[in-house]
Protein backbone atom coordinates (compact mmCIF):
# COMPACT_ATOMS: atom_id res chain seq x y z
CA UNK A 1 -40.41 17.11 15.07
CA UNK A 2 -40.31 13.40 14.23
CA UNK A 3 -40.14 14.27 10.53
CA UNK A 4 -36.72 15.87 10.87
CA UNK A 5 -35.29 12.72 12.46
CA UNK A 6 -36.80 10.51 9.75
CA UNK A 7 -35.24 12.85 7.17
CA UNK A 8 -31.88 12.56 8.93
CA UNK A 9 -32.04 8.73 8.91
CA UNK A 10 -32.82 8.72 5.17
CA UNK A 11 -30.01 11.21 4.56
CA UNK A 12 -27.51 9.17 6.60
CA UNK A 13 -28.50 6.04 4.64
CA UNK A 14 -27.78 7.82 1.35
CA UNK A 15 -24.52 9.19 2.71
CA UNK A 16 -23.56 5.63 3.74
CA UNK A 17 -23.72 4.52 0.10
CA UNK A 18 -21.58 7.46 -0.94
CA UNK A 19 -19.17 6.80 1.91
CA UNK A 20 -18.79 3.17 0.84
CA UNK A 21 -17.91 4.31 -2.67
CA UNK A 22 -15.30 6.90 -1.67
CA UNK A 23 -14.01 4.59 1.08
CA UNK A 24 -13.30 1.73 -1.30
CA UNK A 25 -11.69 4.17 -3.74
CA UNK A 26 -9.29 5.15 -0.96
CA UNK A 27 -8.63 1.76 0.64
CA UNK A 28 -8.28 -0.29 -2.55
CA UNK A 29 -4.56 0.54 -2.36
CA UNK A 30 -4.35 -1.68 0.75
CA UNK A 31 -4.93 -4.92 -1.11
CA UNK A 32 -4.45 -4.19 -4.82
CA UNK A 33 -1.11 -2.39 -5.14
CA UNK A 34 1.20 -5.39 -4.55
CA UNK A 35 -0.58 -7.71 -6.97
CA UNK A 36 -1.05 -5.06 -9.66
CA UNK A 37 2.50 -3.74 -9.28
CA UNK A 38 4.08 -7.18 -9.70
CA UNK A 39 1.81 -8.21 -12.63
CA UNK A 40 2.18 -11.77 -11.34
CA UNK A 41 -1.45 -12.61 -12.09
CA UNK A 42 -3.96 -11.10 -14.46
CA UNK A 43 -5.90 -8.00 -13.46
CA UNK A 44 -9.18 -9.90 -13.76
CA UNK A 45 -8.01 -12.57 -11.31
CA UNK A 46 -6.72 -9.93 -8.90
CA UNK A 47 -10.14 -8.29 -8.88
CA UNK A 48 -11.92 -11.63 -8.39
CA UNK A 49 -9.70 -12.55 -5.41
CA UNK A 50 -10.19 -9.09 -3.91
CA UNK A 51 -13.96 -9.21 -4.47
CA UNK A 52 -14.25 -12.58 -2.73
CA UNK A 53 -12.20 -11.26 0.17
CA UNK A 54 -14.45 -8.21 0.52
CA UNK A 55 -17.63 -10.29 0.56
CA UNK A 56 -16.29 -12.73 3.18
CA UNK A 57 -14.85 -9.92 5.30
CA UNK A 58 -18.10 -7.94 5.16
CA UNK A 59 -20.17 -10.87 6.42
CA UNK A 60 -17.79 -11.41 9.36
CA UNK A 61 -17.54 -7.74 10.35
CA UNK A 62 -20.60 -7.45 12.61
CA UNK A 63 -18.54 -7.57 15.79
CA UNK A 64 -16.63 -4.43 14.78
CA UNK A 65 -19.71 -2.21 14.54
CA UNK A 66 -19.73 -1.43 18.25
CA UNK A 67 -16.71 0.86 17.74
CA UNK A 68 -19.00 3.44 16.13
CA UNK A 69 -21.58 3.13 18.92
CA UNK A 70 -19.44 3.21 22.05
CA UNK A 71 -15.77 3.04 21.14
CA UNK A 72 -15.16 6.80 21.20
CA UNK A 73 -17.92 8.27 23.37
CA UNK A 74 -20.32 7.05 26.05
CA UNK A 75 -23.80 6.88 24.44
CA UNK A 76 -25.53 6.69 27.83
CA UNK A 77 -24.57 10.34 28.42
CA UNK A 78 -26.52 11.59 25.39
CA UNK A 79 -30.18 11.88 24.40
CA UNK A 80 -31.47 10.76 21.02
CA UNK A 81 -31.74 14.25 19.51
CA UNK A 82 -28.07 14.83 20.43
CA UNK A 83 -26.60 11.53 19.28
CA UNK A 84 -28.38 11.61 15.90
CA UNK A 85 -26.75 14.97 15.11
CA UNK A 86 -23.36 13.52 16.11
CA UNK A 87 -23.84 10.71 13.59
CA UNK A 88 -24.99 13.08 10.83
CA UNK A 89 -22.04 15.43 11.38
CA UNK A 90 -19.66 12.47 11.13
CA UNK A 91 -21.15 11.20 7.86
CA UNK A 92 -21.17 14.62 6.19
CA UNK A 93 -17.55 15.22 7.16
CA UNK A 94 -16.35 11.74 6.23
CA UNK A 95 -17.66 11.61 2.68
CA UNK A 96 -16.33 15.10 1.95
CA UNK A 97 -12.89 14.43 3.42
CA UNK A 98 -12.32 11.05 1.77
CA UNK A 99 -13.48 12.31 -1.62
CA UNK A 100 -11.00 15.19 -1.36
CA UNK A 101 -8.05 12.84 -0.76
CA UNK A 102 -9.22 10.44 -3.50
CA UNK A 103 -9.30 13.31 -5.98
CA UNK A 104 -5.69 14.13 -5.07
CA UNK A 105 -4.79 10.46 -5.51
CA UNK A 106 -3.43 10.22 -1.96
CA UNK A 107 -4.20 7.20 0.24
CA UNK A 108 -5.45 8.24 3.67
CA UNK A 109 -6.76 6.29 6.63
CA UNK A 110 -10.50 5.76 6.91
CA UNK A 111 -9.88 4.57 10.46
CA UNK A 112 -8.23 7.86 11.42
CA UNK A 113 -10.94 9.91 9.72
CA UNK A 114 -13.86 8.12 11.41
CA UNK A 115 -12.16 8.11 14.84
CA UNK A 116 -11.41 11.82 14.80
CA UNK A 117 -14.77 12.69 13.28
CA UNK A 118 -16.58 10.84 16.06
CA UNK A 119 -14.26 12.43 18.59
CA UNK A 120 -14.73 15.92 17.17
CA UNK A 121 -18.53 15.74 17.00
CA UNK A 122 -18.82 14.08 20.43
CA UNK A 123 -16.52 16.64 22.08
CA UNK A 124 -18.47 19.52 20.48
CA UNK A 125 -21.80 18.12 21.69
CA UNK A 126 -20.35 17.45 25.15
CA UNK A 127 -19.08 21.03 25.43
CA UNK A 128 -22.52 22.33 24.40
CA UNK A 129 -24.19 20.15 27.05
CA UNK A 130 -21.75 21.28 29.74
CA UNK A 131 -22.28 24.91 28.74
CA UNK A 132 -26.06 24.53 28.87
CA UNK A 133 -25.80 22.82 32.28
CA UNK A 134 -23.45 25.51 33.59
CA UNK A 135 -20.61 23.01 34.24
CA UNK A 136 -16.92 23.37 33.36
CA UNK A 137 -14.80 21.20 31.04
CA UNK A 138 -13.48 19.05 33.88
CA UNK A 139 -16.59 16.89 33.40
CA UNK A 140 -15.76 16.21 29.73
CA UNK A 141 -14.32 12.79 30.54
CA UNK A 142 -17.77 11.51 31.50
CA UNK A 143 -18.91 11.91 27.90
CA UNK A 144 -15.79 10.72 26.05
CA UNK A 145 -14.23 7.26 26.17
CA UNK A 146 -10.77 8.81 26.61
CA UNK A 147 -8.93 5.54 27.36
CA UNK A 148 -10.12 3.83 24.16
CA UNK A 149 -9.59 6.98 22.08
CA UNK A 150 -5.98 7.35 23.25
CA UNK A 151 -5.36 3.64 22.68
CA UNK A 152 -6.54 3.93 19.08
CA UNK A 153 -4.52 7.08 18.38
CA UNK A 154 -1.30 5.73 19.92
CA UNK A 155 -1.74 2.40 18.12
CA UNK A 156 -2.12 4.18 14.80
CA UNK A 157 0.97 6.35 15.34
CA UNK A 158 3.06 3.38 16.48
CA UNK A 159 2.02 1.31 13.47
CA UNK A 160 3.68 3.78 11.06
CA UNK A 161 7.20 3.25 12.41
CA UNK A 162 6.78 -0.46 13.13
CA UNK A 163 5.41 -1.23 9.65
CA UNK A 164 8.18 0.66 7.84
CA UNK A 165 10.95 -0.91 9.94
CA UNK A 166 9.54 -4.44 9.69
CA UNK A 167 9.06 -4.15 5.93
CA UNK A 168 12.60 -2.86 5.43
CA UNK A 169 14.31 -5.49 7.63
CA UNK A 170 12.38 -8.52 6.37
CA UNK A 171 12.79 -7.47 2.74
CA UNK A 172 16.54 -7.02 3.27
CA UNK A 173 16.92 -10.49 4.80
CA UNK A 174 14.72 -12.13 2.16
CA UNK A 175 16.59 -10.45 -0.70
CA UNK A 176 19.92 -11.43 0.82
CA UNK A 177 18.94 -15.13 0.67
CA UNK A 178 16.71 -15.14 -2.44
CA UNK A 179 18.34 -12.48 -4.62
CA UNK A 180 16.41 -11.09 -7.58
CA UNK A 181 16.18 -14.34 -9.53
CA UNK A 182 13.53 -16.94 -8.76
CA UNK A 183 15.49 -20.17 -9.22
CA UNK A 184 13.39 -23.21 -10.01
CA UNK A 185 16.30 -25.44 -8.99
CA UNK A 186 16.14 -24.25 -5.39
CA UNK A 187 12.74 -25.73 -4.70
CA UNK A 188 13.46 -26.22 -1.00
CA UNK A 189 14.25 -22.49 -0.58
CA UNK A 190 11.06 -21.51 -2.39
CA UNK A 191 9.14 -24.13 -0.38
CA UNK A 192 10.49 -22.72 2.90
CA UNK A 193 9.49 -19.21 1.86
CA UNK A 194 6.10 -20.50 0.69
CA UNK A 195 5.53 -22.40 3.95
CA UNK A 196 6.27 -19.36 6.12
CA UNK A 197 4.28 -17.00 3.89
CA UNK A 198 1.19 -19.17 3.44
CA UNK A 199 1.14 -20.08 7.14
CA UNK A 200 1.21 -16.38 8.01
CA UNK A 201 -1.50 -15.54 5.49
CA UNK A 202 -3.90 -18.32 6.49
CA UNK A 203 -3.31 -17.54 10.16
CA UNK A 204 -4.17 -13.94 9.33
CA UNK A 205 -7.29 -14.91 7.35
CA UNK A 206 -8.49 -17.11 10.19
CA UNK A 207 -7.80 -14.54 12.92
CA UNK A 208 -9.48 -11.68 11.01
CA UNK A 209 -12.36 -13.86 9.88
CA UNK A 210 -13.20 -15.38 13.24
CA UNK A 211 -12.80 -12.14 15.22
CA UNK A 212 -15.91 -10.45 13.89
CA UNK A 213 -18.06 -13.56 13.50
CA UNK A 214 -20.68 -15.02 15.82
CA UNK A 215 -18.35 -17.95 16.53
CA UNK A 216 -15.81 -15.71 18.30
CA UNK A 217 -17.59 -15.81 21.66
CA UNK A 218 -18.49 -19.52 21.74
CA UNK A 219 -16.55 -21.83 24.07
CA UNK A 220 -15.71 -25.37 22.88
CA UNK A 221 -15.06 -28.40 25.08
CA UNK A 222 -12.50 -29.73 22.58
CA UNK A 223 -10.44 -26.58 23.22
CA UNK A 224 -10.58 -26.91 26.99
CA UNK A 225 -13.56 -24.59 27.36
CA UNK A 226 -11.81 -21.78 25.47
CA UNK A 227 -13.07 -19.77 22.53
CA UNK A 228 -11.25 -20.18 19.20
CA UNK A 229 -9.53 -16.74 19.35
CA UNK A 230 -8.40 -17.36 22.95
CA UNK A 231 -7.05 -20.82 22.08
CA UNK A 232 -5.09 -19.44 19.12
CA UNK A 233 -3.77 -16.54 21.18
CA UNK A 234 -2.57 -18.89 23.95
CA UNK A 235 -0.95 -21.28 21.45
CA UNK A 236 0.40 -18.91 18.81
CA UNK A 237 3.77 -20.58 18.30
CA UNK A 238 2.34 -24.11 18.12
CA UNK A 239 -0.35 -23.12 15.62
CA UNK A 240 2.12 -21.20 13.44
CA UNK A 241 4.75 -23.96 13.67
CA UNK A 242 2.43 -26.77 12.57
CA UNK A 243 0.95 -24.56 9.87
CA UNK A 244 4.40 -23.63 8.51
CA UNK A 245 5.46 -27.28 8.22
CA UNK A 246 2.16 -28.20 6.54
CA UNK A 247 2.30 -25.38 3.99
CA UNK A 248 6.01 -25.92 3.40
CA UNK A 249 5.33 -29.51 2.33
CA UNK A 250 2.38 -28.37 0.18
CA UNK A 251 4.56 -25.69 -1.44
CA UNK A 252 7.27 -28.22 -2.31
CA UNK A 253 4.78 -30.70 -3.76
CA UNK A 254 3.08 -27.99 -5.83
CA UNK A 255 6.43 -27.01 -7.31
CA UNK A 256 7.68 -30.56 -7.81
CA UNK A 257 4.48 -32.12 -9.17
CA UNK A 258 2.56 -29.19 -10.59
CA UNK A 259 5.45 -26.89 -11.51
CA UNK A 260 3.54 -24.08 -9.82
CA UNK A 261 5.12 -20.69 -9.20
CA UNK A 262 4.68 -20.49 -5.44
CA UNK A 263 5.06 -16.70 -5.44
CA UNK A 264 1.98 -16.29 -7.62
CA UNK A 265 0.00 -18.40 -5.15
CA UNK A 266 1.23 -16.24 -2.25
CA UNK A 267 0.24 -13.05 -4.08
CA UNK A 268 -3.22 -14.42 -4.87
CA UNK A 269 -3.86 -15.59 -1.29
CA UNK A 270 -2.38 -12.36 0.09
CA UNK A 271 -4.68 -10.21 -2.03
CA UNK A 272 -7.69 -12.16 -0.77
CA UNK A 273 -6.43 -11.91 2.83
CA UNK A 274 -5.93 -8.14 2.86
CA UNK A 275 -9.23 -7.55 1.04
CA UNK A 276 -10.90 -9.62 3.76
CA UNK A 277 -9.11 -7.54 6.42
CA UNK A 278 -10.22 -4.33 4.74
CA UNK A 279 -13.88 -5.36 4.73
CA UNK A 280 -13.78 -7.04 8.14
CA UNK A 281 -11.91 -4.25 9.90
CA UNK A 282 -12.70 -1.09 7.93
CA UNK A 283 -16.34 -1.66 6.99
CA UNK A 284 -17.25 -0.12 10.34
CA UNK A 285 -15.63 3.09 9.09
CA UNK A 286 -18.28 3.39 6.37
CA UNK A 287 -21.49 1.87 7.72
CA UNK A 288 -20.85 1.64 11.47
CA UNK A 289 -22.22 5.13 12.05
CA UNK A 290 -25.28 4.69 9.76
CA UNK A 291 -26.16 1.37 11.44
CA UNK A 292 -25.75 2.95 14.88
CA UNK A 293 -28.00 5.84 13.77
CA UNK A 294 -30.64 3.44 12.44
CA UNK A 295 -30.59 1.35 15.62
CA UNK A 296 -30.83 4.50 17.75
CA UNK A 297 -33.84 5.62 15.69
CA UNK A 298 -35.54 2.24 16.20
CA UNK A 299 -35.00 2.37 19.96
CA UNK A 300 -36.38 5.90 20.16
CA UNK A 301 -39.45 5.21 17.99
CA UNK A 302 -40.41 2.16 20.06
CA UNK A 303 -40.01 4.07 23.33
CA UNK A 304 -42.68 6.73 22.78
CA UNK A 305 -40.50 9.19 24.73
CA UNK A 306 -39.56 12.67 23.52
CA UNK A 307 -36.31 12.78 21.51
CA UNK A 308 -34.83 15.33 23.92
CA UNK A 309 -35.57 13.08 26.90
CA UNK A 310 -34.82 9.59 25.54
CA UNK A 311 -31.47 8.41 26.94
CA UNK A 312 -29.29 6.26 24.64
CA UNK A 313 -28.18 4.00 27.48
CA UNK A 314 -29.34 0.91 25.53
CA UNK A 315 -26.67 1.63 22.90
CA UNK A 316 -24.00 0.86 25.49
CA UNK A 317 -24.83 -2.84 25.38
CA UNK A 318 -24.58 -5.43 22.63
CA UNK A 319 -26.75 -4.55 19.63
CA UNK A 320 -26.59 -7.15 16.81
CA UNK A 321 -26.03 -5.92 13.25
CA UNK A 322 -28.51 -7.22 10.63
CA UNK A 323 -26.60 -9.49 8.22
CA UNK A 324 -28.50 -8.06 5.24
CA UNK A 325 -26.85 -4.67 5.86
CA UNK A 326 -23.42 -6.30 5.75
CA UNK A 327 -24.17 -8.18 2.52
CA UNK A 328 -25.52 -5.06 0.80
CA UNK A 329 -22.46 -3.08 1.91
CA UNK A 330 -20.16 -5.82 0.59
CA UNK A 331 -21.87 -5.82 -2.81
CA UNK A 332 -21.60 -2.01 -3.08
CA UNK A 333 -17.89 -2.20 -2.25
CA UNK A 334 -17.28 -4.89 -4.87
CA UNK A 335 -19.13 -2.89 -7.53
CA UNK A 336 -17.10 0.21 -6.65
CA UNK A 337 -13.86 -1.74 -6.82
CA UNK A 338 -14.53 -2.70 -10.44
CA UNK A 339 -15.66 0.70 -11.73
CA UNK A 340 -13.91 3.38 -9.64
CA UNK A 341 -11.38 5.45 -11.58
CA UNK A 342 -10.29 7.21 -8.39
CA UNK A 343 -9.38 3.85 -6.83
CA UNK A 344 -6.99 3.20 -9.72
CA UNK A 345 -5.36 6.61 -9.21
CA UNK A 346 -4.79 6.04 -5.49
CA UNK A 347 -3.27 2.62 -6.26
CA UNK A 348 -1.00 4.24 -8.87
CA UNK A 349 0.43 6.63 -6.26
CA UNK A 350 1.52 3.76 -4.03
CA UNK A 351 2.96 1.75 -6.94
CA UNK A 352 4.88 4.72 -8.33
CA UNK A 353 6.50 5.42 -4.95
CA UNK A 354 7.72 1.82 -4.74
CA UNK A 355 8.58 1.30 -8.42
CA UNK A 356 11.94 -0.37 -9.10
CA UNK A 357 12.33 1.67 -12.29
CA UNK A 358 12.35 5.34 -13.20
CA UNK A 359 8.88 6.88 -13.48
CA UNK A 360 7.48 10.37 -13.90
CA UNK A 361 7.75 11.55 -10.31
CA UNK A 362 4.55 13.21 -9.06
CA UNK A 363 6.07 14.91 -6.05
CA UNK A 364 8.60 17.74 -5.84
CA UNK A 365 11.57 17.64 -3.52
CA UNK A 366 11.55 19.44 -0.17
CA UNK A 367 14.14 20.35 2.45
CA UNK A 368 13.15 17.57 4.86
CA UNK A 369 13.40 14.91 2.13
CA UNK A 370 16.84 16.18 1.06
CA UNK A 371 18.01 16.10 4.68
CA UNK A 372 16.73 12.55 5.25
CA UNK A 373 18.27 11.18 2.04
CA UNK A 374 21.61 12.84 2.82
CA UNK A 375 21.59 11.42 6.36
CA UNK A 376 20.71 7.90 5.16
CA UNK A 377 23.46 8.00 2.53
CA UNK A 378 26.05 9.12 5.08
CA UNK A 379 24.98 6.43 7.56
CA UNK A 380 25.06 3.80 4.81
CA UNK A 381 28.63 4.73 3.82
CA UNK A 382 29.79 4.42 7.43
CA UNK A 383 28.05 1.06 7.85
CA UNK A 384 29.47 -0.37 4.61
CA UNK A 385 33.02 0.30 5.79
CA UNK A 386 32.53 -2.22 8.60
CA UNK A 387 32.05 -5.16 6.19
CA UNK A 388 34.94 -7.12 4.65
CA UNK A 389 35.47 -6.49 0.88
CA UNK A 390 34.34 -10.01 -0.16
CA UNK A 391 31.17 -9.77 1.89
CA UNK A 392 30.40 -6.34 0.42
CA UNK A 393 30.86 -7.73 -3.09
CA UNK A 394 28.56 -10.70 -2.40
CA UNK A 395 25.91 -8.47 -0.90
CA UNK A 396 26.12 -6.08 -3.85
CA UNK A 397 25.51 -8.98 -6.23
CA UNK A 398 22.49 -10.16 -4.22
CA UNK A 399 20.94 -6.71 -4.35
CA UNK A 400 21.71 -6.08 -8.00
CA UNK A 401 18.30 -5.90 -9.71
CA UNK A 402 17.57 -7.75 -12.95
CA UNK A 403 15.41 -6.32 -15.70
CA UNK A 404 11.92 -7.74 -15.32
CA UNK A 405 10.34 -9.16 -18.49
CA UNK A 406 7.40 -7.35 -20.07
CA UNK A 407 3.91 -8.59 -19.20
CA UNK A 408 1.36 -7.72 -21.88
CA UNK A 409 3.64 -4.97 -23.12
CA UNK A 410 4.16 -3.41 -19.67
CA UNK A 411 7.02 -3.85 -17.21
CA UNK A 412 6.18 -4.79 -13.60
CA UNK A 413 6.92 -2.12 -11.00
CA UNK A 414 8.67 -4.71 -8.79
CA UNK A 415 9.22 -8.46 -8.70
CA UNK A 416 7.08 -11.21 -7.22
CA UNK A 417 9.33 -11.66 -4.18
CA UNK A 418 8.81 -8.07 -3.02
CA UNK A 419 5.08 -8.25 -3.76
CA UNK A 420 4.83 -11.42 -1.64
CA UNK A 421 6.72 -9.85 1.26
CA UNK A 422 4.54 -6.72 1.12
CA UNK A 423 1.44 -8.86 1.57
CA UNK A 424 2.87 -11.28 4.13
CA UNK A 425 4.46 -8.65 6.40
CA UNK A 426 1.32 -6.48 6.35
CA UNK A 427 -0.83 -9.53 7.15
CA UNK A 428 1.49 -10.60 9.99
CA UNK A 429 1.54 -7.17 11.59
CA UNK A 430 -2.23 -6.77 11.42
CA UNK A 431 -2.91 -10.27 12.78
CA UNK A 432 -0.32 -9.78 15.54
CA UNK A 433 -1.97 -6.52 16.58
CA UNK A 434 -5.38 -8.20 16.43
CA UNK A 435 -4.31 -10.95 18.83
CA UNK A 436 -2.98 -8.29 21.22
CA UNK A 437 -6.20 -6.30 20.75
CA UNK A 438 -4.21 -3.29 19.52
CA UNK A 439 -6.02 -0.99 17.08
CA UNK A 440 -4.20 0.15 13.97
CA UNK A 441 -4.84 1.46 10.48
CA UNK A 442 -4.64 -1.07 7.64
CA UNK A 443 -3.82 1.80 5.26
CA UNK A 444 -0.87 2.92 7.36
CA UNK A 445 0.47 -0.61 7.74
CA UNK A 446 0.21 -1.68 4.10
CA UNK A 447 1.57 1.61 2.73
CA UNK A 448 4.51 1.85 5.15
CA UNK A 449 5.44 -1.82 4.65
CA UNK A 450 5.56 -1.18 0.89
CA UNK A 451 7.77 1.87 1.44
CA UNK A 452 10.07 -0.07 3.75
CA UNK A 453 10.54 -2.92 1.27
CA UNK A 454 11.18 -0.34 -1.47
CA UNK A 455 13.98 1.22 0.58
CA UNK A 456 15.64 -2.15 1.21
CA UNK A 457 15.31 -3.13 -2.44
CA UNK A 458 17.15 0.06 -3.47
CA UNK A 459 14.15 1.20 -5.47
CA UNK A 460 14.92 4.72 -4.28
CA UNK A 461 18.08 5.35 -6.28
CA UNK A 462 20.10 8.57 -6.36
CA UNK A 463 18.03 10.08 -9.15
CA UNK A 464 14.66 9.38 -7.57
CA UNK A 465 15.30 9.04 -3.83
CA UNK A 466 14.56 12.66 -2.95
CA UNK A 467 11.31 12.67 -4.93
CA UNK A 468 10.17 9.30 -3.53
CA UNK A 469 10.91 10.35 0.06
CA UNK A 470 9.09 13.63 -0.60
CA UNK A 471 6.10 11.64 -1.81
CA UNK A 472 6.09 9.46 1.31
CA UNK A 473 6.34 12.55 3.53
CA UNK A 474 3.46 14.12 1.63
CA UNK A 475 1.29 11.05 2.21
CA UNK A 476 2.21 10.88 5.92
CA UNK A 477 1.59 14.62 6.25
CA UNK A 478 -1.81 14.05 4.66
CA UNK A 479 -2.61 11.53 7.39
CA UNK A 480 -2.03 14.13 10.12
CA UNK A 481 -4.02 16.70 8.16
CA UNK A 482 -6.82 14.12 7.94
CA UNK A 483 -6.94 13.84 11.74
CA UNK A 484 -6.97 17.61 12.28
CA UNK A 485 -9.56 18.30 9.55
CA UNK A 486 -11.77 15.39 10.62
CA UNK A 487 -11.90 16.62 14.21
CA UNK A 488 -12.35 20.31 13.35
CA UNK A 489 -14.88 19.99 10.52
CA UNK A 490 -16.98 17.41 12.34
CA UNK A 491 -17.10 19.62 15.45
CA UNK A 492 -18.04 22.68 13.37
CA UNK A 493 -20.78 20.85 11.47
CA UNK A 494 -22.17 19.47 14.73
CA UNK A 495 -22.45 22.97 16.20
CA UNK A 496 -24.22 24.23 13.06
CA UNK A 497 -26.61 21.25 13.05
CA UNK A 498 -27.40 21.56 16.76
CA UNK A 499 -28.35 25.22 16.60
CA UNK A 500 -29.66 25.38 13.01
CA UNK A 501 -31.73 22.17 13.09
CA UNK A 502 -33.61 21.53 9.80
CA UNK A 503 -32.25 24.65 8.06
CA UNK A 504 -28.65 23.57 8.75
CA UNK A 505 -29.35 19.95 7.74
CA UNK A 506 -30.64 21.00 4.31
CA UNK A 507 -28.07 23.76 3.74
CA UNK A 508 -24.98 21.75 4.72
CA UNK A 509 -26.15 18.70 2.74
CA UNK A 510 -26.58 20.82 -0.40
CA UNK A 511 -23.11 22.35 0.08
CA UNK A 512 -21.49 18.92 0.54
CA UNK A 513 -23.23 17.51 -2.56
CA UNK A 514 -22.17 20.51 -4.67
CA UNK A 515 -18.56 20.23 -3.46
CA UNK A 516 -18.44 16.52 -4.35
CA UNK A 517 -19.93 17.17 -7.81
CA UNK A 518 -17.36 19.92 -8.35
CA UNK A 519 -14.55 17.63 -7.16
CA UNK A 520 -15.69 14.82 -9.48
CA UNK A 521 -15.91 17.21 -12.44
CA UNK A 522 -12.40 18.48 -11.73
CA UNK A 523 -11.11 14.90 -11.56
CA UNK A 524 -12.70 13.99 -14.91
CA UNK A 525 -11.27 17.10 -16.59
CA UNK A 526 -7.82 16.29 -15.21
CA UNK A 527 -8.00 12.72 -16.57
CA UNK A 528 -8.76 13.97 -20.05
């Protein structure tokens, strides 16, 4: 019987590599779309900044791995032979689901998929255990970490509306003061924007970097016996205020002495920051389950107890993640980032939906999109009537777009100001949620911020508004479909694995591999 569990561990390890590849293809949109869309810096530099961010984030992500072990279910309630099938069901479902969305070119949330896959498989196994014990479903809460699961789900749903609203409002205010022209003569305005933006980004980098590192739990006498995250959380305004003044002065000096375009610096730092967040926060979505499975296998092997009798209570405590696993995962993600064609297609979807110019619209209109656009237009007309004529004229001039110059023969999708705000607002929201210990999806936040800034920038004009809104609704609808499919498929696969054992393991694995090969072949044919 031990052979089947060794086979499962090997299979999960191979699936982890595949999951890293399809995961990066999906989540590359989080940190690449703003820099690529603005064409502020070369593609090679964008990829270098993103690669460095991924490596740093991967190394500091060990503290996040416990989400896969005990964030959704209570491992102490399961035996080894049960929990290993939960992990296998999750991995088989995840790689299949993410590859499907990547083939369609739609960004989806790896956080949502892994949460609902773990939830689906754990609920299915719990129901089986209750049925075998002759107990009813009222005991289900003993197996599932319902409080944490609900917190994650509600945080994800809330982040959609908050990110869109914040992106729209901040972009509107920034455009009102900055306009569409970056004026070198107004160095103090650019320096103020640079100070706020860089302070937010470095605060974000520090918060995300320190959270998952080994330094997060150490208390320092210099900080009054507090840990670094606790000190920052208790002194948020002071830290941000001093940082803003410091980076504002640096921004002014860089412009005055070095004639540096501060917006390019913000975009470069922002790309690094969100790539770091992706690896630090979302790496658990790809290798958290495989690492938990491997650690469970080690505990069971060393125990000498039967798999059906070995309780996984030890997985409820702190289990350190080997750094070598994190480094290997980071290198695989970087390699995928450079070579994945599907990653480029997912990025293109996000850029097209926020493009300042007319593009070939991918999405068809629908009744809901027409209704929303009509309602927004009516509300806008009523609101405009409240402003004096001179103010309306001034505001119209501030929001009148200028034609962006060609970069290497191609026109940027949007300007450097909007790209900077996309990165800064997304970083601020994620770091704010991190300090409050609120879970959210980086995909949802970055995508909805980009859509909000697009709306404020009037990128959705009369001719394209319906199609752009339809596209956004399609992506959001895909997120809810992800949750439903992840839960259902993972639960179904778990049931098949539990009762079919080795036969089901081999059969389902072959089916998943064939489906992915078929999907990849279809994608290649569509490209050509």
